[in-house]
Amino acid sequence: RRATVREAGGEARELLERVDEGTQKAWSAIAGFLTAYRTV
């Protein structure tokens, strides 16, 4: 959502690059969550 609203318009390639950059943060947090979950 943040990647799609950060800039109005833009090329499709630019949008996908922003999405990829943003989702890496999400995947990193998800990995940290699951690693800690499995330590229980």
Full PDB file with SEQRES, HELIX, SHEET, SSBOND, CRYST1, ORIGX, SCALE, CONECT and MASTER records, all heavy atoms in Angstrom:
SEQRES   1 A   40  ARG ARG ALA THR VAL ARG GLU ALA GLY GLY GLU ALA ARG          
SEQRES   2 A   40  GLU LEU LEU GLU ARG VAL ASP GLU GLY THR GLN LYS ALA          
SEQRES   3 A   40  TRP SER ALA ILE ALA GLY PHE LEU THR ALA TYR ARG THR          
SEQRES   4 A   40  VAL                                                          
HELIX    1 AA1 ARG A    2  VAL A    5  1                                   4    
HELIX    2 AA2 ALA A   12  THR A   39  1                                  28    
CRYST1    1.000    1.000    1.000  90.00  90.00  90.00 P 1           1          
ORIGX1      1.000000  0.000000  0.000000        0.00000                         
ORIGX2      0.000000  1.000000  0.000000        0.00000                         
ORIGX3      0.000000  0.000000  1.000000        0.00000                         
SCALE1      1.000000  0.000000  0.000000        0.00000                         
SCALE2      0.000000  1.000000  0.000000        0.00000                         
SCALE3      0.000000  0.000000  1.000000        0.00000                         
ATOM      1  N   ARG A   1       0.835  -1.207   0.000  1.00  0.00           N  
ATOM      2  CA  ARG A   1       0.000   0.000   0.000  1.00  0.00           C  
ATOM      3  C   ARG A   1       0.865   1.252   0.000  1.00  0.00           C  
ATOM      4  O   ARG A   1       0.613   2.194  -0.763  1.00  0.00           O  
ATOM      5  CB  ARG A   1      -0.921   0.010   1.229  1.00  0.00           C  
ATOM      6  CG  ARG A   1      -1.909   1.170   1.244  1.00  0.00           C  
ATOM      7  CD  ARG A   1      -2.560   1.335   2.602  1.00  0.00           C  
ATOM      8  NE  ARG A   1      -1.612   1.821   3.590  1.00  0.00           N  
ATOM      9  CZ  ARG A   1      -1.245   3.091   3.713  1.00  0.00           C  
ATOM     10  NH1 ARG A   1      -1.722   4.012   2.887  1.00  0.00           N  
ATOM     11  NH2 ARG A   1      -0.376   3.452   4.643  1.00  0.00           N  
ATOM     12  N   ARG A   2       1.893   1.257   0.835  1.00  0.00           N  
ATOM     13  CA  ARG A   2       2.767   2.428   0.888  1.00  0.00           C  
ATOM     14  C   ARG A   2       3.478   2.661  -0.439  1.00  0.00           C  
ATOM     15  O   ARG A   2       3.662   3.800  -0.862  1.00  0.00           O  
ATOM     16  CB  ARG A   2       3.790   2.261   2.016  1.00  0.00           C  
ATOM     17  CG  ARG A   2       3.174   2.328   3.404  1.00  0.00           C  
ATOM     18  CD  ARG A   2       4.223   2.228   4.478  1.00  0.00           C  
ATOM     19  NE  ARG A   2       3.618   2.353   5.802  1.00  0.00           N  
ATOM     20  CZ  ARG A   2       4.228   2.890   6.856  1.00  0.00           C  
ATOM     21  NH1 ARG A   2       5.456   3.375   6.741  1.00  0.00           N  
ATOM     22  NH2 ARG A   2       3.616   2.958   8.007  1.00  0.00           N  
ATOM     23  N   ALA A   3       3.866   1.574  -1.092  1.00  0.00           N  
ATOM     24  CA  ALA A   3       4.554   1.712  -2.375  1.00  0.00           C  
ATOM     25  C   ALA A   3       3.625   2.277  -3.444  1.00  0.00           C  
ATOM     26  O   ALA A   3       4.050   3.053  -4.296  1.00  0.00           O  
ATOM     27  CB  ALA A   3       5.098   0.355  -2.821  1.00  0.00           C  
ATOM     28  N   THR A   4       2.343   1.925  -3.390  1.00  0.00           N  
ATOM     29  CA  THR A   4       1.411   2.368  -4.436  1.00  0.00           C  
ATOM     30  C   THR A   4       0.968   3.810  -4.247  1.00  0.00           C  
ATOM     31  O   THR A   4       0.587   4.465  -5.213  1.00  0.00           O  
ATOM     32  CB  THR A   4       0.161   1.476  -4.480  1.00  0.00           C  
ATOM     33  OG1 THR A   4      -0.504   1.515  -3.214  1.00  0.00           O  
ATOM     34  CG2 THR A   4       0.526   0.044  -4.813  1.00  0.00           C  
ATOM     35  N   VAL A   5       1.016   4.327  -3.011  1.00  0.00           N  
ATOM     36  CA  VAL A   5       0.531   5.696  -2.781  1.00  0.00           C  
ATOM     37  C   VAL A   5       1.659   6.708  -2.643  1.00  0.00           C  
ATOM     38  O   VAL A   5       1.408   7.906  -2.573  1.00  0.00           O  
ATOM     39  CB  VAL A   5      -0.366   5.772  -1.516  1.00  0.00           C  
ATOM     40  CG1 VAL A   5      -1.524   4.829  -1.637  1.00  0.00           C  
ATOM     41  CG2 VAL A   5       0.438   5.491  -0.247  1.00  0.00           C  
ATOM     42  N   ARG A   6       2.900   6.248  -2.619  1.00  0.00           N  
ATOM     43  CA  ARG A   6       4.016   7.169  -2.385  1.00  0.00           C  
ATOM     44  C   ARG A   6       4.134   8.205  -3.494  1.00  0.00           C  
ATOM     45  O   ARG A   6       4.441   9.356  -3.257  1.00  0.00           O  
ATOM     46  CB  ARG A   6       5.335   6.388  -2.262  1.00  0.00           C  
ATOM     47  CG  ARG A   6       6.456   7.239  -1.678  1.00  0.00           C  
ATOM     48  CD  ARG A   6       7.663   6.397  -1.347  1.00  0.00           C  
ATOM     49  NE  ARG A   6       8.367   5.970  -2.552  1.00  0.00           N  
ATOM     50  CZ  ARG A   6       9.433   5.156  -2.545  1.00  0.00           C  
ATOM     51  NH1 ARG A   6       9.855   4.662  -1.399  1.00  0.00           N  
ATOM     52  NH2 ARG A   6      10.043   4.828  -3.655  1.00  0.00           N  
ATOM     53  N   GLU A   7       3.879   7.777  -4.699  1.00  0.00           N  
ATOM     54  CA  GLU A   7       3.949   8.696  -5.824  1.00  0.00           C  
ATOM     55  C   GLU A   7       2.764   8.430  -6.746  1.00  0.00           C  
ATOM     56  O   GLU A   7       2.425   7.286  -7.001  1.00  0.00           O  
ATOM     57  CB  GLU A   7       5.247   8.497  -6.620  1.00  0.00           C  
ATOM     58  CG  GLU A   7       6.505   8.787  -5.847  1.00  0.00           C  
ATOM     59  CD  GLU A   7       7.742   8.486  -6.675  1.00  0.00           C  
ATOM     60  OE1 GLU A   7       7.605   8.389  -7.908  1.00  0.00           O  
ATOM     61  OE2 GLU A   7       8.814   8.347  -6.083  1.00  0.00           O  
ATOM     62  N   ALA A   8       2.135   9.482  -7.199  1.00  0.00           N  
ATOM     63  CA  ALA A   8       1.038   9.325  -8.149  1.00  0.00           C  
ATOM     64  C   ALA A   8       1.607   8.967  -9.508  1.00  0.00           C  
ATOM     65  O   ALA A   8       2.606   9.528  -9.953  1.00  0.00           O  
ATOM     66  CB  ALA A   8       0.223  10.613  -8.248  1.00  0.00           C  
ATOM     67  N   GLY A   9       0.949   8.030 -10.166  1.00  0.00           N  
ATOM     68  CA  GLY A   9       1.394   7.664 -11.507  1.00  0.00           C  
ATOM     69  C   GLY A   9       2.709   6.920 -11.470  1.00  0.00           C  
ATOM     70  O   GLY A   9       2.975   6.121 -10.590  1.00  0.00           O  
ATOM     71  N   GLY A  10       3.571   7.188 -12.439  1.00  0.00           N  
ATOM     72  CA  GLY A  10       4.853   6.498 -12.513  1.00  0.00           C  
ATOM     73  C   GLY A  10       4.775   5.280 -13.408  1.00  0.00           C  
ATOM     74  O   GLY A  10       3.708   4.740 -13.670  1.00  0.00           O  
ATOM     75  N   GLU A  11       5.931   4.855 -13.873  1.00  0.00           N  
ATOM     76  CA  GLU A  11       5.999   3.684 -14.734  1.00  0.00           C  
ATOM     77  C   GLU A  11       5.742   2.412 -13.924  1.00  0.00           C  
ATOM     78  O   GLU A  11       6.025   2.351 -12.724  1.00  0.00           O  
ATOM     79  CB  GLU A  11       7.384   3.602 -15.382  1.00  0.00           C  
ATOM     80  CG  GLU A  11       7.713   4.766 -16.302  1.00  0.00           C  
ATOM     81  CD  GLU A  11       6.836   4.780 -17.540  1.00  0.00           C  
ATOM     82  OE1 GLU A  11       6.412   3.683 -17.977  1.00  0.00           O  
ATOM     83  OE2 GLU A  11       6.576   5.876 -18.064  1.00  0.00           O  
ATOM     84  N   ALA A  12       5.209   1.400 -14.625  1.00  0.00           N  
ATOM     85  CA  ALA A  12       4.921   0.129 -13.952  1.00  0.00           C  
ATOM     86  C   ALA A  12       6.188  -0.464 -13.344  1.00  0.00           C  
ATOM     87  O   ALA A  12       6.158  -1.018 -12.236  1.00  0.00           O  
ATOM     88  CB  ALA A  12       4.303  -0.845 -14.950  1.00  0.00           C  
ATOM     89  N   ARG A  13       7.319  -0.327 -14.054  1.00  0.00           N  
ATOM     90  CA  ARG A  13       8.573  -0.866 -13.533  1.00  0.00           C  
ATOM     91  C   ARG A  13       8.973  -0.176 -12.236  1.00  0.00           C  
ATOM     92  O   ARG A  13       9.444  -0.825 -11.292  1.00  0.00           O  
ATOM     93  CB  ARG A  13       9.670  -0.707 -14.582  1.00  0.00           C  
ATOM     94  CG  ARG A  13      11.017  -1.260 -14.140  1.00  0.00           C  
ATOM     95  CD  ARG A  13      12.045  -1.127 -15.244  1.00  0.00           C  
ATOM     96  NE  ARG A  13      13.353  -1.573 -14.802  1.00  0.00           N  
ATOM     97  CZ  ARG A  13      14.434  -1.561 -15.565  1.00  0.00           C  
ATOM     98  NH1 ARG A  13      14.361  -1.124 -16.814  1.00  0.00           N  
ATOM     99  NH2 ARG A  13      15.596  -1.977 -15.088  1.00  0.00           N  
ATOM    100  N   GLU A  14       8.802   1.137 -12.163  1.00  0.00           N  
ATOM    101  CA  GLU A  14       9.137   1.879 -10.951  1.00  0.00           C  
ATOM    102  C   GLU A  14       8.267   1.430  -9.785  1.00  0.00           C  
ATOM    103  O   GLU A  14       8.736   1.297  -8.649  1.00  0.00           O  
ATOM    104  CB  GLU A  14       8.967   3.378 -11.195  1.00  0.00           C  
ATOM    105  CG  GLU A  14       9.940   3.961 -12.218  1.00  0.00           C  
ATOM    106  CD  GLU A  14       9.647   5.422 -12.508  1.00  0.00           C  
ATOM    107  OE1 GLU A  14       8.680   5.949 -11.921  1.00  0.00           O  
ATOM    108  OE2 GLU A  14      10.380   6.031 -13.298  1.00  0.00           O  
ATOM    109  N   LEU A  15       6.985   1.214 -10.069  1.00  0.00           N  
ATOM    110  CA  LEU A  15       6.071   0.767  -9.023  1.00  0.00           C  
ATOM    111  C   LEU A  15       6.520  -0.590  -8.480  1.00  0.00           C  
ATOM    112  O   LEU A  15       6.576  -0.788  -7.262  1.00  0.00           O  
ATOM    113  CB  LEU A  15       4.645   0.676  -9.569  1.00  0.00           C  
ATOM    114  CG  LEU A  15       3.618   0.005  -8.643  1.00  0.00           C  
ATOM    115  CD1 LEU A  15       3.464   0.794  -7.356  1.00  0.00           C  
ATOM    116  CD2 LEU A  15       2.275  -0.137  -9.350  1.00  0.00           C  
ATOM    117  N   LEU A  16       6.820  -1.518  -9.367  1.00  0.00           N  
ATOM    118  CA  LEU A  16       7.224  -2.848  -8.922  1.00  0.00           C  
ATOM    119  C   LEU A  16       8.522  -2.801  -8.137  1.00  0.00           C  
ATOM    120  O   LEU A  16       8.711  -3.565  -7.186  1.00  0.00           O  
ATOM    121  CB  LEU A  16       7.354  -3.780 -10.132  1.00  0.00           C  
ATOM    122  CG  LEU A  16       6.032  -4.120 -10.834  1.00  0.00           C  
ATOM    123  CD1 LEU A  16       6.286  -4.994 -12.051  1.00  0.00           C  
ATOM    124  CD2 LEU A  16       5.071  -4.805  -9.874  1.00  0.00           C  
ATOM    125  N   GLU A  17       9.421  -1.885  -8.500  1.00  0.00           N  
ATOM    126  CA  GLU A  17      10.669  -1.734  -7.741  1.00  0.00           C  
ATOM    127  C   GLU A  17      10.378  -1.234  -6.334  1.00  0.00           C  
ATOM    128  O   GLU A  17      10.996  -1.685  -5.360  1.00  0.00           O  
ATOM    129  CB  GLU A  17      11.622  -0.783  -8.473  1.00  0.00           C  
ATOM    130  CG  GLU A  17      12.238  -1.369  -9.736  1.00  0.00           C  
ATOM    131  CD  GLU A  17      13.092  -0.359 -10.485  1.00  0.00           C  
ATOM    132  OE1 GLU A  17      13.064   0.838 -10.116  1.00  0.00           O  
ATOM    133  OE2 GLU A  17      13.795  -0.764 -11.438  1.00  0.00           O  
ATOM    134  N   ARG A  18       9.433  -0.282  -6.227  1.00  0.00           N  
ATOM    135  CA  ARG A  18       9.062   0.228  -4.896  1.00  0.00           C  
ATOM    136  C   ARG A  18       8.386  -0.866  -4.080  1.00  0.00           C  
ATOM    137  O   ARG A  18       8.635  -1.001  -2.873  1.00  0.00           O  
ATOM    138  CB  ARG A  18       8.130   1.432  -5.033  1.00  0.00           C  
ATOM    139  CG  ARG A  18       8.768   2.660  -5.653  1.00  0.00           C  
ATOM    140  CD  ARG A  18       7.981   3.921  -5.308  1.00  0.00           C  
ATOM    141  NE  ARG A  18       6.587   3.847  -5.714  1.00  0.00           N  
ATOM    142  CZ  ARG A  18       6.120   4.248  -6.885  1.00  0.00           C  
ATOM    143  NH1 ARG A  18       6.956   4.742  -7.799  1.00  0.00           N  
ATOM    144  NH2 ARG A  18       4.838   4.176  -7.171  1.00  0.00           N  
ATOM    145  N   VAL A  19       7.529  -1.652  -4.737  1.00  0.00           N  
ATOM    146  CA  VAL A  19       6.858  -2.750  -4.046  1.00  0.00           C  
ATOM    147  C   VAL A  19       7.892  -3.757  -3.543  1.00  0.00           C  
ATOM    148  O   VAL A  19       7.832  -4.212  -2.392  1.00  0.00           O  
ATOM    149  CB  VAL A  19       5.842  -3.435  -4.975  1.00  0.00           C  
ATOM    150  CG1 VAL A  19       5.355  -4.738  -4.358  1.00  0.00           C  
ATOM    151  CG2 VAL A  19       4.657  -2.507  -5.237  1.00  0.00           C  
ATOM    152  N   ASP A  20       8.851  -4.090  -4.392  1.00  0.00           N  
ATOM    153  CA  ASP A  20       9.870  -5.064  -4.004  1.00  0.00           C  
ATOM    154  C   ASP A  20      10.701  -4.555  -2.831  1.00  0.00           C  
ATOM    155  O   ASP A  20      10.979  -5.293  -1.877  1.00  0.00           O  
ATOM    156  CB  ASP A  20      10.781  -5.360  -5.195  1.00  0.00           C  
ATOM    157  CG  ASP A  20      11.801  -6.446  -4.873  1.00  0.00           C  
ATOM    158  OD1 ASP A  20      11.385  -7.567  -4.572  1.00  0.00           O  
ATOM    159  OD2 ASP A  20      13.008  -6.153  -4.902  1.00  0.00           O  
ATOM    160  N   GLU A  21      11.072  -3.280  -2.885  1.00  0.00           N  
ATOM    161  CA  GLU A  21      11.848  -2.685  -1.791  1.00  0.00           C  
ATOM    162  C   GLU A  21      11.061  -2.711  -0.483  1.00  0.00           C  
ATOM    163  O   GLU A  21      11.602  -3.031   0.585  1.00  0.00           O  
ATOM    164  CB  GLU A  21      12.213  -1.248  -2.147  1.00  0.00           C  
ATOM    165  CG  GLU A  21      12.999  -0.522  -1.074  1.00  0.00           C  
ATOM    166  CD  GLU A  21      13.252   0.939  -1.408  1.00  0.00           C  
ATOM    167  OE1 GLU A  21      12.934   1.358  -2.547  1.00  0.00           O  
ATOM    168  OE2 GLU A  21      13.759   1.655  -0.538  1.00  0.00           O  
ATOM    169  N   GLY A  22       9.778  -2.380  -0.573  1.00  0.00           N  
ATOM    170  CA  GLY A  22       8.963  -2.360   0.633  1.00  0.00           C  
ATOM    171  C   GLY A  22       8.718  -3.744   1.198  1.00  0.00           C  
ATOM    172  O   GLY A  22       8.780  -3.951   2.416  1.00  0.00           O  
ATOM    173  N   THR A  23       8.417  -4.713   0.325  1.00  0.00           N  
ATOM    174  CA  THR A  23       8.088  -6.044   0.824  1.00  0.00           C  
ATOM    175  C   THR A  23       9.296  -6.726   1.457  1.00  0.00           C  
ATOM    176  O   THR A  23       9.121  -7.629   2.289  1.00  0.00           O  
ATOM    177  CB  THR A  23       7.516  -6.933  -0.291  1.00  0.00           C  
ATOM    178  OG1 THR A  23       8.418  -6.964  -1.400  1.00  0.00           O  
ATOM    179  CG2 THR A  23       6.161  -6.435  -0.742  1.00  0.00           C  
ATOM    180  N   GLN A  24      10.504  -6.314   1.094  1.00  0.00           N  
ATOM    181  CA  GLN A  24      11.676  -6.889   1.753  1.00  0.00           C  
ATOM    182  C   GLN A  24      11.662  -6.589   3.255  1.00  0.00           C  
ATOM    183  O   GLN A  24      12.083  -7.402   4.075  1.00  0.00           O  
ATOM    184  CB  GLN A  24      12.964  -6.367   1.112  1.00  0.00           C  
ATOM    185  CG  GLN A  24      13.216  -6.911  -0.291  1.00  0.00           C  
ATOM    186  CD  GLN A  24      13.104  -8.417  -0.386  1.00  0.00           C  
ATOM    187  OE1 GLN A  24      13.719  -9.145   0.397  1.00  0.00           O  
ATOM    188  NE2 GLN A  24      12.311  -8.891  -1.335  1.00  0.00           N  
ATOM    189  N   LYS A  25      11.176  -5.399   3.624  1.00  0.00           N  
ATOM    190  CA  LYS A  25      11.052  -5.071   5.051  1.00  0.00           C  
ATOM    191  C   LYS A  25      10.049  -6.015   5.712  1.00  0.00           C  
ATOM    192  O   LYS A  25      10.260  -6.497   6.832  1.00  0.00           O  
ATOM    193  CB  LYS A  25      10.591  -3.628   5.224  1.00  0.00           C  
ATOM    194  CG  LYS A  25      11.540  -2.567   4.707  1.00  0.00           C  
ATOM    195  CD  LYS A  25      10.942  -1.181   4.908  1.00  0.00           C  
ATOM    196  CE  LYS A  25      11.810  -0.090   4.335  1.00  0.00           C  
ATOM    197  NZ  LYS A  25      11.198   1.248   4.498  1.00  0.00           N  
ATOM    198  N   ALA A  26       8.940  -6.246   5.008  1.00  0.00           N  
ATOM    199  CA  ALA A  26       7.914  -7.131   5.559  1.00  0.00           C  
ATOM    200  C   ALA A  26       8.448  -8.548   5.712  1.00  0.00           C  
ATOM    201  O   ALA A  26       8.268  -9.185   6.758  1.00  0.00           O  
ATOM    202  CB  ALA A  26       6.670  -7.119   4.668  1.00  0.00           C  
ATOM    203  N   TRP A  27       9.129  -9.065   4.676  1.00  0.00           N  
ATOM    204  CA  TRP A  27       9.653 -10.430   4.755  1.00  0.00           C  
ATOM    205  C   TRP A  27      10.685 -10.558   5.869  1.00  0.00           C  
ATOM    206  O   TRP A  27      10.754 -11.592   6.552  1.00  0.00           O  
ATOM    207  CB  TRP A  27      10.272 -10.832   3.421  1.00  0.00           C  
ATOM    208  CG  TRP A  27       9.278 -11.190   2.349  1.00  0.00           C  
ATOM    209  CD1 TRP A  27       9.149 -10.602   1.128  1.00  0.00           C  
ATOM    210  CD2 TRP A  27       8.288 -12.223   2.405  1.00  0.00           C  
ATOM    211  NE1 TRP A  27       8.124 -11.194   0.419  1.00  0.00           N  
ATOM    212  CE2 TRP A  27       7.584 -12.191   1.173  1.00  0.00           C  
ATOM    213  CE3 TRP A  27       7.922 -13.164   3.368  1.00  0.00           C  
ATOM    214  CZ2 TRP A  27       6.540 -13.069   0.880  1.00  0.00           C  
ATOM    215  CZ3 TRP A  27       6.883 -14.037   3.089  1.00  0.00           C  
ATOM    216  CH2 TRP A  27       6.210 -13.984   1.862  1.00  0.00           C  
ATOM    217  N   SER A  28      11.489  -9.523   6.084  1.00  0.00           N  
ATOM    218  CA  SER A  28      12.474  -9.563   7.158  1.00  0.00           C  
ATOM    219  C   SER A  28      11.785  -9.658   8.514  1.00  0.00           C  
ATOM    220  O   SER A  28      12.198 -10.450   9.379  1.00  0.00           O  
ATOM    221  CB  SER A  28      13.356  -8.313   7.098  1.00  0.00           C  
ATOM    222  OG  SER A  28      14.291  -8.307   8.156  1.00  0.00           O  
ATOM    223  N   ALA A  29      10.717  -8.858   8.702  1.00  0.00           N  
ATOM    224  CA  ALA A  29       9.974  -8.908   9.967  1.00  0.00           C  
ATOM    225  C   ALA A  29       9.279 -10.251  10.134  1.00  0.00           C  
ATOM    226  O   ALA A  29       9.243 -10.815  11.242  1.00  0.00           O  
ATOM    227  CB  ALA A  29       8.957  -7.768  10.008  1.00  0.00           C  
ATOM    228  N   ILE A  30       8.728 -10.790   9.060  1.00  0.00           N  
ATOM    229  CA  ILE A  30       8.055 -12.090   9.117  1.00  0.00           C  
ATOM    230  C   ILE A  30       9.055 -13.178   9.513  1.00  0.00           C  
ATOM    231  O   ILE A  30       8.759 -14.047  10.341  1.00  0.00           O  
ATOM    232  CB  ILE A  30       7.404 -12.414   7.755  1.00  0.00           C  
ATOM    233  CG1 ILE A  30       6.243 -11.454   7.485  1.00  0.00           C  
ATOM    234  CG2 ILE A  30       6.912 -13.859   7.715  1.00  0.00           C  
ATOM    235  CD1 ILE A  30       5.772 -11.432   6.039  1.00  0.00           C  
ATOM    236  N   ALA A  31      10.262 -13.119   8.933  1.00  0.00           N  
ATOM    237  CA  ALA A  31      11.292 -14.098   9.271  1.00  0.00           C  
ATOM    238  C   ALA A  31      11.673 -13.999  10.740  1.00  0.00           C  
ATOM    239  O   ALA A  31      11.828 -15.019  11.434  1.00  0.00           O  
ATOM    240  CB  ALA A  31      12.521 -13.890   8.391  1.00  0.00           C  
ATOM    241  N   GLY A  32      11.816 -12.760  11.258  1.00  0.00           N  
ATOM    242  CA  GLY A  32      12.144 -12.576  12.666  1.00  0.00           C  
ATOM    243  C   GLY A  32      11.048 -13.103  13.572  1.00  0.00           C  
ATOM    244  O   GLY A  32      11.321 -13.717  14.617  1.00  0.00           O  
ATOM    245  N   PHE A  33       9.797 -12.863  13.183  1.00  0.00           N  
ATOM    246  CA  PHE A  33       8.651 -13.353  13.953  1.00  0.00           C  
ATOM    247  C   PHE A  33       8.682 -14.885  14.028  1.00  0.00           C  
ATOM    248  O   PHE A  33       8.558 -15.477  15.105  1.00  0.00           O  
ATOM    249  CB  PHE A  33       7.362 -12.878  13.297  1.00  0.00           C  
ATOM    250  CG  PHE A  33       6.106 -13.349  13.978  1.00  0.00           C  
ATOM    251  CD1 PHE A  33       5.452 -12.541  14.895  1.00  0.00           C  
ATOM    252  CD2 PHE A  33       5.571 -14.597  13.703  1.00  0.00           C  
ATOM    253  CE1 PHE A  33       4.291 -12.970  15.526  1.00  0.00           C  
ATOM    254  CE2 PHE A  33       4.417 -15.046  14.336  1.00  0.00           C  
ATOM    255  CZ  PHE A  33       3.777 -14.228  15.242  1.00  0.00           C  
ATOM    256  N   LEU A  34       8.853 -15.545  12.876  1.00  0.00           N  
ATOM    257  CA  LEU A  34       8.806 -17.003  12.833  1.00  0.00           C  
ATOM    258  C   LEU A  34       9.992 -17.629  13.558  1.00  0.00           C  
ATOM    259  O   LEU A  34       9.846 -18.659  14.228  1.00  0.00           O  
ATOM    260  CB  LEU A  34       8.773 -17.480  11.383  1.00  0.00           C  
ATOM    261  CG  LEU A  34       7.473 -17.179  10.633  1.00  0.00           C  
ATOM    262  CD1 LEU A  34       7.622 -17.529   9.153  1.00  0.00           C  
ATOM    263  CD2 LEU A  34       6.309 -17.949  11.245  1.00  0.00           C  
ATOM    264  N   THR A  35      11.171 -17.009  13.446  1.00  0.00           N  
ATOM    265  CA  THR A  35      12.343 -17.530  14.145  1.00  0.00           C  
ATOM    266  C   THR A  35      12.112 -17.514  15.652  1.00  0.00           C  
ATOM    267  O   THR A  35      12.388 -18.493  16.362  1.00  0.00           O  
ATOM    268  CB  THR A  35      13.588 -16.707  13.795  1.00  0.00           C  
ATOM    269  OG1 THR A  35      13.854 -16.825  12.396  1.00  0.00           O  
ATOM    270  CG2 THR A  35      14.800 -17.194  14.581  1.00  0.00           C  
ATOM    271  N   ALA A  36      11.577 -16.389  16.157  1.00  0.00           N  
ATOM    272  CA  ALA A  36      11.307 -16.282  17.599  1.00  0.00           C  
ATOM    273  C   ALA A  36      10.178 -17.223  18.002  1.00  0.00           C  
ATOM    274  O   ALA A  36      10.226 -17.837  19.080  1.00  0.00           O  
ATOM    275  CB  ALA A  36      10.952 -14.840  17.950  1.00  0.00           C  
ATOM    276  N   TYR A  37       9.172 -17.352  17.170  1.00  0.00           N  
ATOM    277  CA  TYR A  37       8.039 -18.263  17.444  1.00  0.00           C  
ATOM    278  C   TYR A  37       8.556 -19.684  17.664  1.00  0.00           C  
ATOM    279  O   TYR A  37       8.133 -20.377  18.592  1.00  0.00           O  
ATOM    280  CB  TYR A  37       7.083 -18.210  16.256  1.00  0.00           C  
ATOM    281  CG  TYR A  37       5.838 -19.070  16.374  1.00  0.00           C  
ATOM    282  CD1 TYR A  37       4.642 -18.530  16.849  1.00  0.00           C  
ATOM    283  CD2 TYR A  37       5.844 -20.404  15.981  1.00  0.00           C  
ATOM    284  CE1 TYR A  37       3.487 -19.301  16.932  1.00  0.00           C  
ATOM    285  CE2 TYR A  37       4.702 -21.186  16.067  1.00  0.00           C  
ATOM    286  CZ  TYR A  37       3.525 -20.630  16.538  1.00  0.00           C  
ATOM    287  OH  TYR A  37       2.377 -21.404  16.623  1.00  0.00           O  
ATOM    288  N   ARG A  38       9.480 -20.095  16.808  1.00  0.00           N  
ATOM    289  CA  ARG A  38       9.972 -21.476  16.880  1.00  0.00           C  
ATOM    290  C   ARG A  38      10.914 -21.705  18.053  1.00  0.00           C  
ATOM    291  O   ARG A  38      11.228 -22.858  18.365  1.00  0.00           O  
ATOM    292  CB  ARG A  38      10.657 -21.842  15.560  1.00  0.00           C  
ATOM    293  CG  ARG A  38       9.678 -21.964  14.383  1.00  0.00           C  
ATOM    294  CD  ARG A  38      10.378 -22.463  13.125  1.00  0.00           C  
ATOM    295  NE  ARG A  38       9.420 -22.790  12.073  1.00  0.00           N  
ATOM    296  CZ  ARG A  38       9.200 -22.037  10.984  1.00  0.00           C  
ATOM    297  NH1 ARG A  38       9.886 -20.909  10.820  1.00  0.00           N  
ATOM    298  NH2 ARG A  38       8.315 -22.411  10.077  1.00  0.00           N  
ATOM    299  N   THR A  39      11.385 -20.635  18.706  1.00  0.00           N  
ATOM    300  CA  THR A  39      12.229 -20.824  19.891  1.00  0.00           C  
ATOM    301  C   THR A  39      11.406 -21.206  21.114  1.00  0.00           C  
ATOM    302  O   THR A  39      11.972 -21.640  22.123  1.00  0.00           O  
ATOM    303  CB  THR A  39      13.032 -19.548  20.221  1.00  0.00           C  
ATOM    304  OG1 THR A  39      12.137 -18.484  20.578  1.00  0.00           O  
ATOM    305  CG2 THR A  39      13.901 -19.137  19.048  1.00  0.00           C  
ATOM    306  N   VAL A  40      10.099 -21.021  21.048  1.00  0.00           N  
ATOM    307  CA  VAL A  40       9.220 -21.387  22.169  1.00  0.00           C  
ATOM    308  C   VAL A  40       9.006 -22.894  22.124  1.00  0.00           C  
ATOM    309  O   VAL A  40       8.427 -23.422  21.163  1.00  0.00           O  
ATOM    310  CB  VAL A  40       7.867 -20.653  22.077  1.00  0.00           C  
ATOM    311  CG1 VAL A  40       6.959 -21.061  23.231  1.00  0.00           C  
ATOM    312  CG2 VAL A  40       8.091 -19.139  22.071  1.00  0.00           C  
TER     313      VAL A  40                                                      
MASTER        0    0    0    2    0    0    0    6  312    1    0    4          
END                                                                             
